[in-house]
Amino acid sequence: MTRRKKSRSIADKVQIRTGRRKDFKKWRAENPDQVHSGPRYVAKKKDQRKSQAAAKLERMNAAPLLPLHPDAPAEHDDKGGNDEGGKA
């Protein structure tokens, strides 16, 4: 005789605002204008974005300038992109 595996899901047991979790998900989908992030979360994310932008700017300023197109010899002007001298 085999033993039934226990379910670890607590989705049906969680109580949030309007009752069950599934009810809250339905309410949230039907009323997007009433759902918004908390002020602490918004402030935290704003600080994170600001520090991330500062770090990115610092990295950009510290990086060496690389030439996009190094000086190539004049004989390497084939427009076909292959090394066979223009033969396709």
Protein backbone atom coordinates (compact mmCIF):
# COMPACT_ATOMS: atom_id res chain seq x y z
CA MET A 1 0.00 0.00 0.00
CA THR A 2 1.42 3.38 -0.98
CA ARG A 3 1.44 6.45 1.19
CA ARG A 4 -0.15 9.66 -0.08
CA LYS A 5 2.33 12.49 -0.49
CA LYS A 6 1.63 15.54 1.66
CA SER A 7 1.03 18.76 -0.20
CA ARG A 8 3.21 21.66 0.87
CA SER A 9 0.97 24.25 -0.77
CA ILE A 10 -0.68 26.63 1.64
CA ALA A 11 -2.51 28.60 -1.09
CA ASP A 12 -5.89 27.47 0.17
CA LYS A 13 -5.03 28.16 3.81
CA VAL A 14 -3.78 31.76 3.54
CA GLN A 15 -6.18 34.48 4.63
CA ILE A 16 -5.60 37.88 2.99
CA ARG A 17 -7.93 40.91 3.09
CA THR A 18 -11.02 39.68 1.28
CA GLY A 19 -10.84 36.13 2.57
CA ARG A 20 -9.02 33.42 0.72
CA ARG A 21 -5.94 34.03 -1.41
CA LYS A 22 -7.75 33.10 -4.62
CA ASP A 23 -10.44 35.65 -3.82
CA PHE A 24 -7.80 38.33 -3.30
CA LYS A 25 -6.14 37.52 -6.63
CA LYS A 26 -9.51 37.85 -8.36
CA TRP A 27 -10.26 41.14 -6.57
CA ARG A 28 -6.80 42.50 -7.45
CA ALA A 29 -7.32 41.66 -11.14
CA GLU A 30 -10.74 43.32 -11.16
CA ASN A 31 -9.63 46.49 -9.28
CA PRO A 32 -6.19 47.54 -10.55
CA ASP A 33 -6.80 51.18 -9.59
CA GLN A 34 -7.06 50.30 -5.90
CA VAL A 35 -3.85 48.25 -5.80
CA HIS A 36 -0.62 50.16 -5.19
CA SER A 37 2.74 49.67 -3.54
CA GLY A 38 3.43 50.84 -0.01
CA PRO A 39 5.41 54.03 0.61
CA ARG A 40 8.34 52.19 2.24
CA TYR A 41 8.70 49.89 -0.78
CA VAL A 42 8.51 52.82 -3.22
CA ALA A 43 11.15 54.77 -1.27
CA LYS A 44 13.41 51.73 -1.06
CA LYS A 45 13.20 51.08 -4.81
CA LYS A 46 13.82 54.76 -5.57
CA ASP A 47 16.99 54.70 -3.47
CA GLN A 48 18.10 51.46 -5.14
CA ARG A 49 17.62 52.92 -8.61
CA LYS A 50 19.46 56.10 -7.66
CA SER A 51 22.46 54.20 -6.26
CA GLN A 52 22.45 51.85 -9.27
CA ALA A 53 22.51 54.81 -11.67
CA ALA A 54 25.37 56.42 -9.72
CA ALA A 55 27.37 53.18 -9.80
CA LYS A 56 26.75 52.80 -13.53
CA LEU A 57 27.88 56.38 -14.19
CA GLU A 58 31.01 55.81 -12.09
CA ARG A 59 31.80 52.62 -14.04
CA MET A 60 31.30 54.43 -17.35
CA ASN A 61 33.62 57.25 -16.33
CA ALA A 62 36.29 54.85 -15.05
CA ALA A 63 36.28 52.63 -18.15
CA PRO A 64 39.00 53.13 -20.75
CA LEU A 65 37.91 54.50 -24.12
CA LEU A 66 38.10 51.76 -26.73
CA PRO A 67 38.34 52.56 -30.44
CA LEU A 68 35.30 51.24 -32.29
CA HIS A 69 37.06 50.79 -35.63
CA PRO A 70 40.78 50.28 -35.30
CA ASP A 71 42.80 51.55 -38.23
CA ALA A 72 42.58 48.82 -40.84
CA PRO A 73 44.92 48.53 -43.83
CA ALA A 74 43.53 49.99 -47.08
CA GLU A 75 43.80 46.66 -48.94
CA HIS A 76 41.14 45.09 -46.70
CA ASP A 77 38.18 46.88 -48.33
CA ASP A 78 36.22 43.94 -49.73
CA LYS A 79 32.50 44.52 -49.32
CA GLY A 80 31.53 40.85 -49.53
CA GLY A 81 32.78 40.06 -46.06
CA ASN A 82 34.70 36.98 -47.14
CA ASP A 83 38.47 36.52 -47.48
CA GLU A 84 38.44 35.13 -51.04
CA GLY A 85 38.97 38.49 -52.76
CA GLY A 86 35.35 39.11 -53.76
CA LYS A 87 34.63 35.64 -55.18
CA ALA A 88 31.34 34.25 -53.96
